[in-house]
N, C-alpha and C. Protein backbone atom coordinates (compact mmCIF):
# COMPACT_ATOMS: atom_id res chain seq x y z
N UNK A 1 -18.10 -13.34 43.32
CA UNK A 1 -16.83 -13.08 43.53
C UNK A 1 -15.63 -13.42 43.02
N UNK A 2 -14.87 -13.55 42.34
CA UNK A 2 -13.32 -14.02 41.75
C UNK A 2 -12.40 -14.30 42.58
N UNK A 3 -11.44 -14.62 42.83
CA UNK A 3 -10.30 -14.68 44.08
C UNK A 3 -9.01 -15.47 42.62
N UNK A 4 -8.42 -14.52 43.33
CA UNK A 4 -6.28 -15.11 42.18
C UNK A 4 -6.02 -14.69 43.03
N UNK A 5 -5.12 -15.23 42.73
CA UNK A 5 -3.91 -14.96 43.80
C UNK A 5 -2.11 -14.87 42.81
N UNK A 6 -2.15 -14.59 40.58
CA UNK A 6 -2.02 -14.10 40.30
C UNK A 6 -2.13 -12.17 40.33
N UNK A 7 -0.59 -11.44 40.27
CA UNK A 7 -0.55 -10.49 40.02
C UNK A 7 -1.58 -9.93 39.61
N UNK A 8 -1.66 -8.27 39.75
CA UNK A 8 -2.77 -7.51 39.15
C UNK A 8 -1.88 -6.78 38.23
N UNK A 9 -2.73 -7.04 36.44
CA UNK A 9 -1.39 -6.62 35.43
C UNK A 9 -2.48 -5.70 35.34
N UNK A 10 -2.30 -4.59 35.33
CA UNK A 10 -3.52 -3.07 34.42
C UNK A 10 -2.98 -2.20 33.39
N UNK A 11 -1.72 -2.80 33.29
CA UNK A 11 -0.91 -2.03 31.97
C UNK A 11 0.33 -3.48 31.78
N UNK A 12 -0.76 -3.71 30.13
CA UNK A 12 -0.12 -3.98 29.57
C UNK A 12 0.93 -3.14 28.05
N UNK A 13 2.46 -3.99 28.07
CA UNK A 13 3.59 -2.98 26.88
C UNK A 13 3.53 -4.10 25.65
N UNK A 14 2.62 -3.55 24.47
CA UNK A 14 3.00 -4.10 23.16
C UNK A 14 4.02 -3.63 22.42
N UNK A 15 5.27 -4.08 22.15
CA UNK A 15 6.20 -3.34 20.91
C UNK A 15 6.61 -4.05 19.73
N UNK A 16 8.08 -3.51 19.23
CA UNK A 16 8.95 -4.37 18.45
C UNK A 16 9.67 -4.66 19.59
N UNK A 17 10.76 -5.66 19.75
CA UNK A 17 12.19 -5.70 19.65
C UNK A 17 12.96 -6.07 19.25
N UNK A 18 13.67 -4.21 19.05
CA UNK A 18 15.00 -3.79 18.00
C UNK A 18 16.29 -4.82 18.33
N UNK A 19 15.97 -6.08 19.01
CA UNK A 19 17.23 -6.48 18.96
C UNK A 19 17.08 -7.86 17.74
N UNK A 20 15.62 -8.33 17.99
CA UNK A 20 15.33 -9.04 17.17
C UNK A 20 14.96 -9.14 14.91
N UNK A 21 15.54 -9.88 14.40
CA UNK A 21 15.31 -9.39 13.37
C UNK A 21 13.20 -9.49 12.57
N UNK A 22 13.11 -8.85 12.08
CA UNK A 22 11.87 -8.79 11.56
C UNK A 22 11.37 -9.90 11.06
N UNK A 23 10.22 -10.22 10.82
CA UNK A 23 9.13 -11.05 9.88
C UNK A 23 9.64 -11.15 8.42
N UNK A 24 10.17 -11.85 7.61
CA UNK A 24 10.75 -12.60 6.05
C UNK A 24 9.46 -11.42 5.38
N UNK A 25 8.12 -11.93 6.30
CA UNK A 25 7.25 -10.57 5.10
C UNK A 25 6.41 -9.31 5.92
N UNK A 26 7.77 -9.25 7.00
CA UNK A 26 7.26 -8.25 7.29
C UNK A 26 7.49 -7.00 6.36
N UNK A 27 6.60 -5.63 5.86
CA UNK A 27 6.96 -4.10 5.04
C UNK A 27 8.16 -2.96 5.64
N UNK A 28 8.97 -3.07 5.25
CA UNK A 28 10.16 -1.64 5.45
C UNK A 28 9.88 -0.18 4.17
N UNK A 29 9.40 0.97 5.18
CA UNK A 29 8.53 1.74 4.90
C UNK A 29 9.98 2.15 3.68
N UNK A 30 9.77 2.56 2.26
CA UNK A 30 11.30 3.47 2.17
C UNK A 30 10.34 4.26 1.72
N UNK A 31 9.19 4.54 1.03
CA UNK A 31 8.73 6.22 0.12
C UNK A 31 7.28 5.54 0.35
N UNK A 32 6.87 7.12 0.10
CA UNK A 32 5.35 7.04 -0.39
C UNK A 32 4.94 7.66 -1.37
N UNK A 33 4.46 7.01 -2.78
CA UNK A 33 3.45 8.17 -3.71
C UNK A 33 2.33 8.91 -3.51
N UNK A 34 2.15 10.08 -3.25
CA UNK A 34 -0.40 10.24 -3.62
C UNK A 34 0.57 10.68 -5.00
N UNK A 35 -0.86 9.96 -5.75
CA UNK A 35 -1.32 10.21 -6.93
C UNK A 35 -3.12 11.17 -6.65
N UNK A 36 -3.30 11.92 -7.38
CA UNK A 36 -4.31 12.42 -7.89
C UNK A 36 -5.64 11.18 -8.75
N UNK A 37 -6.81 10.28 -7.81
CA UNK A 37 -7.66 9.51 -8.95
C UNK A 37 -8.12 11.19 -9.97
N UNK A 38 -8.55 10.76 -10.80
CA UNK A 38 -10.13 11.31 -11.99
C UNK A 38 -10.22 10.76 -13.03
N UNK A 39 -11.01 10.72 -13.83
CA UNK A 39 -11.31 10.46 -15.30
C UNK A 39 -9.84 10.55 -16.51
N UNK A 40 -9.21 10.51 -16.05
CA UNK A 40 -8.35 9.97 -17.15
C UNK A 40 -7.10 9.85 -16.01
N UNK A 41 -6.19 8.11 -16.81
CA UNK A 41 -5.92 8.20 -16.30
C UNK A 41 -4.04 8.80 -15.83
N UNK A 42 -4.07 8.58 -14.46
CA UNK A 42 -2.26 9.88 -13.92
C UNK A 42 -1.20 8.67 -13.35
N UNK A 43 -0.31 8.56 -13.87
CA UNK A 43 0.93 8.12 -13.89
C UNK A 43 2.18 8.51 -12.77
N UNK A 44 2.35 7.55 -12.17
CA UNK A 44 3.05 7.87 -10.27
C UNK A 44 4.39 8.31 -10.87
N UNK A 45 5.70 8.17 -10.94
CA UNK A 45 6.96 8.02 -10.94
C UNK A 45 7.62 6.55 -10.23
N UNK A 46 8.54 5.92 -11.50
CA UNK A 46 9.80 5.34 -10.78
C UNK A 46 9.15 4.61 -9.47
N UNK A 47 8.54 3.06 -8.94
CA UNK A 47 9.28 2.91 -7.60
C UNK A 47 11.04 3.52 -7.43
N UNK A 48 11.08 3.65 -6.13
CA UNK A 48 12.49 3.63 -6.28
C UNK A 48 14.08 2.30 -6.68
N UNK A 49 14.84 2.36 -6.45
CA UNK A 49 15.68 1.17 -6.58
C UNK A 49 15.74 0.34 -5.93
N UNK A 50 15.09 0.33 -4.33
CA UNK A 50 15.57 -0.38 -3.55
C UNK A 50 13.66 -1.13 -2.84
N UNK A 51 13.09 -0.82 -4.00
CA UNK A 51 11.47 -0.94 -3.68
C UNK A 51 11.59 -1.60 -4.14
N UNK A 52 10.76 -3.46 -3.62
CA UNK A 52 10.37 -4.42 -4.39
C UNK A 52 9.08 -5.20 -3.77
N UNK A 53 8.37 -4.09 -3.57
CA UNK A 53 6.04 -4.44 -2.84
C UNK A 53 6.18 -2.81 -3.23
N UNK A 54 5.00 -2.76 -3.31
CA UNK A 54 4.21 -1.34 -2.97
C UNK A 54 2.63 -1.92 -2.34
N UNK A 55 1.55 -0.98 -0.82
CA UNK A 55 1.21 -1.59 -0.85
C UNK A 55 0.14 0.09 -1.22
N UNK A 56 -1.31 -0.35 -1.98
CA UNK A 56 -2.29 0.83 -2.75
C UNK A 56 -2.98 1.22 -1.66
N UNK A 57 -3.27 1.66 -1.31
CA UNK A 57 -4.73 2.58 -0.67
C UNK A 57 -5.33 4.02 -1.46
N UNK A 58 -6.99 3.62 -1.69
CA UNK A 58 -7.73 4.91 -1.91
C UNK A 58 -8.20 4.88 -1.54
N UNK A 59 -9.19 6.56 -1.49
CA UNK A 59 -9.76 7.83 -0.75
C UNK A 59 -11.05 7.14 -2.03
N UNK A 60 -10.72 6.56 -3.12
CA UNK A 60 -12.56 6.71 -3.69
C UNK A 60 -11.60 5.55 -4.17
N UNK A 61 -12.94 4.38 -4.70
CA UNK A 61 -12.45 3.09 -5.35
C UNK A 61 -12.06 3.53 -7.15
N UNK A 62 -11.35 2.49 -7.82
CA UNK A 62 -10.02 3.67 -8.70
C UNK A 62 -10.03 2.59 -9.56
N UNK A 63 -9.28 2.27 -10.22
CA UNK A 63 -8.52 0.60 -10.94
C UNK A 63 -7.72 1.74 -11.10
N UNK A 64 -6.09 0.29 -11.01
CA UNK A 64 -4.45 0.91 -11.80
C UNK A 64 -4.37 0.04 -12.25
N UNK A 65 -2.96 0.12 -13.28
CA UNK A 65 -2.18 -0.81 -13.80
C UNK A 65 -0.73 -0.23 -13.71
N UNK A 66 0.46 -1.43 -13.21
CA UNK A 66 1.50 -0.81 -13.47
C UNK A 66 2.49 -1.62 -14.58
N UNK A 67 3.12 -0.94 -14.66
CA UNK A 67 4.16 -1.18 -15.73
C UNK A 67 5.16 0.11 -15.37
N UNK A 68 6.76 -0.33 -16.86
CA UNK A 68 6.72 0.52 -16.54
C UNK A 68 6.63 2.26 -18.52
N UNK A 69 5.19 1.98 -18.05
CA UNK A 69 4.36 3.01 -18.84
C UNK A 69 3.12 2.97 -18.62
N UNK A 70 2.34 2.30 -17.76
CA UNK A 70 1.37 1.79 -17.88
C UNK A 70 -0.19 3.18 -18.27
N UNK A 71 -1.44 2.88 -19.05
CA UNK A 71 -2.30 3.58 -19.03
C UNK A 71 -3.00 2.77 -17.72
N UNK A 72 -4.06 3.40 -16.72
CA UNK A 72 -4.90 2.66 -16.30
C UNK A 72 -6.50 3.30 -17.84
N UNK A 73 -7.32 1.62 -17.14
CA UNK A 73 -8.45 1.81 -17.53
C UNK A 73 -10.06 0.94 -16.55
N UNK A 74 -10.65 1.55 -17.48
CA UNK A 74 -11.59 0.48 -16.41
C UNK A 74 -12.04 -0.64 -16.71
N UNK A 75 -11.45 -1.69 -15.66
CA UNK A 75 -11.96 -2.76 -15.90
C UNK A 75 -10.52 -4.16 -16.93
N UNK A 76 -10.90 -3.85 -17.94
CA UNK A 76 -9.11 -4.78 -18.73
C UNK A 76 -8.03 -3.81 -18.52
N UNK A 77 -7.25 -5.38 -18.01
CA UNK A 77 -5.87 -4.34 -17.84
C UNK A 77 -5.44 -4.18 -16.46
N UNK A 78 -6.22 -3.97 -15.89
CA UNK A 78 -6.63 -2.85 -14.65
C UNK A 78 -6.94 -4.04 -13.16
N UNK A 79 -6.26 -3.46 -12.41
CA UNK A 79 -6.84 -3.92 -11.15
C UNK A 79 -7.69 -2.95 -10.39
N UNK A 80 -8.39 -3.20 -9.34
CA UNK A 80 -9.49 -2.71 -9.36
C UNK A 80 -8.87 -2.62 -7.52
N UNK A 81 -9.13 -1.62 -7.41
CA UNK A 81 -8.90 -0.90 -5.85
C UNK A 81 -9.34 -0.27 -5.21
N UNK A 82 -10.13 -1.48 -4.61
CA UNK A 82 -11.61 -0.18 -3.68
C UNK A 82 -11.64 0.56 -2.40
N UNK A 83 -12.39 1.44 -2.75
CA UNK A 83 -12.08 3.48 -1.22
C UNK A 83 -11.54 2.08 0.23
N UNK A 84 -10.51 2.80 0.66
CA UNK A 84 -10.62 2.30 2.62
C UNK A 84 -10.25 1.29 2.45
N UNK A 85 -9.34 0.51 1.74
CA UNK A 85 -8.90 -0.71 2.01
C UNK A 85 -7.73 -0.97 1.34
N UNK A 86 -7.30 -1.16 2.40
CA UNK A 86 -5.59 -1.38 1.59
C UNK A 86 -5.65 -2.23 1.05
N UNK A 87 -4.34 -2.84 -0.38
CA UNK A 87 -4.28 -3.73 -1.38
C UNK A 87 -3.13 -4.63 -0.01
N UNK A 88 -3.51 -6.09 -0.48
CA UNK A 88 -2.07 -6.18 0.41
C UNK A 88 -1.05 -5.83 -0.34
N UNK A 89 0.38 -5.96 -0.59
CA UNK A 89 1.71 -6.18 -0.72
C UNK A 89 1.58 -7.07 -2.61
N UNK A 90 1.91 -5.92 -3.36
CA UNK A 90 2.49 -6.14 -4.08
C UNK A 90 3.13 -6.19 -4.86
N UNK A 91 4.58 -7.28 -5.37
CA UNK A 91 5.73 -6.74 -6.16
C UNK A 91 5.66 -6.59 -7.02
N UNK A 92 7.18 -5.68 -7.30
CA UNK A 92 7.59 -5.15 -8.52
C UNK A 92 8.95 -4.85 -9.03
N UNK A 93 8.73 -4.16 -9.65
CA UNK A 93 10.55 -4.38 -10.44
C UNK A 93 11.07 -2.38 -9.95
N UNK A 94 12.28 -3.61 -9.10
CA UNK A 94 12.40 -1.73 -9.18
C UNK A 94 13.06 -1.30 -9.72
N UNK A 95 13.02 0.11 -9.57
CA UNK A 95 13.65 1.21 -10.27
C UNK A 95 12.67 1.52 -11.36
N UNK A 96 11.96 0.52 -12.05
CA UNK A 96 11.24 0.02 -13.09
C UNK A 96 9.46 0.61 -12.70
N UNK A 97 8.99 0.17 -12.17
CA UNK A 97 7.82 -0.12 -11.89
C UNK A 97 7.01 1.20 -11.40
N UNK A 98 6.35 1.65 -12.32
CA UNK A 98 4.90 2.72 -12.32
C UNK A 98 3.85 2.42 -12.38
N UNK A 99 3.20 3.68 -11.04
CA UNK A 99 1.40 2.85 -10.89
C UNK A 99 0.40 4.07 -11.66
N UNK A 100 -0.38 4.10 -12.84
CA UNK A 100 -1.20 4.29 -13.78
C UNK A 100 -3.02 4.07 -12.53
N UNK A 101 -3.35 5.36 -12.62
CA UNK A 101 -4.46 5.02 -11.91
C UNK A 101 -5.95 6.24 -12.13
N UNK A 102 -7.01 5.33 -12.40
CA UNK A 102 -7.87 6.16 -13.48
C UNK A 102 -8.78 6.07 -12.36
N UNK A 103 -10.27 6.88 -11.95
CA UNK A 103 -11.74 6.94 -10.75
C UNK A 103 -12.18 5.36 -11.42
N UNK A 104 -12.63 5.32 -10.63
CA UNK A 104 -14.12 4.25 -11.10
C UNK A 104 -15.53 5.03 -10.63
N UNK A 105 -15.23 6.08 -10.60
CA UNK A 105 -16.58 7.10 -10.68
C UNK A 105 -16.37 7.91 -9.56
N UNK A 106 -15.68 8.35 -8.91
CA UNK A 106 -15.30 9.52 -8.31
C UNK A 106 -13.83 9.91 -8.02
N UNK A 107 -13.61 11.42 -8.18
CA UNK A 107 -11.72 11.26 -7.69
C UNK A 107 -11.85 11.22 -5.94
N UNK A 108 -10.26 10.98 -5.90
CA UNK A 108 -9.62 11.07 -4.69
C UNK A 108 -8.52 11.08 -4.53
N UNK A 109 -7.71 10.94 -4.15
CA UNK A 109 -6.68 9.86 -3.92
C UNK A 109 -5.53 8.57 -3.88
N UNK A 110 -4.87 8.35 -4.50
CA UNK A 110 -4.34 6.92 -4.87
C UNK A 110 -3.24 7.65 -3.67
N UNK A 111 -2.80 6.63 -2.32
CA UNK A 111 -1.35 6.11 -2.03
C UNK A 111 -0.47 5.35 -2.13
N UNK A 112 0.63 5.66 -2.58
CA UNK A 112 1.59 4.52 -3.08
C UNK A 112 2.77 3.88 -2.18
N UNK A 113 1.98 3.22 -1.38
CA UNK A 113 3.66 2.77 0.05
C UNK A 113 4.21 2.15 -0.18
N UNK A 114 6.17 2.39 -1.13
CA UNK A 114 6.91 1.34 -1.39
C UNK A 114 7.89 1.04 -0.33
N UNK A 115 8.20 -0.11 -0.72
CA UNK A 115 8.69 -0.58 0.36
C UNK A 115 9.88 -2.12 0.25
N UNK A 116 10.38 -2.48 1.14
CA UNK A 116 11.38 -3.31 0.51
C UNK A 116 10.66 -5.14 1.57
């Protein structure tokens, strides 16, 4: 038997204090784009003028390229994005950067989460 004089706290509440400033590394959602992942390169619209980072997450493994007019290709010059594993934030040029995607082996969807 364990005996304690501490009060029984069976419910714990966790959350953000709206009065506190966000951590410098925190992401603030700006917008989200979805791209179909297929056998040929598909390109997103340019990120918003206030977006400076994107987080990519795909339902199937794919390759992505970033730039003003990118074309994704398997391997050379593109970034591999594994399925169901969000990538760390990637810095982009606000209002300019587009993301292109091509499948690694199967079709799916790429989620592009824009943030500040």
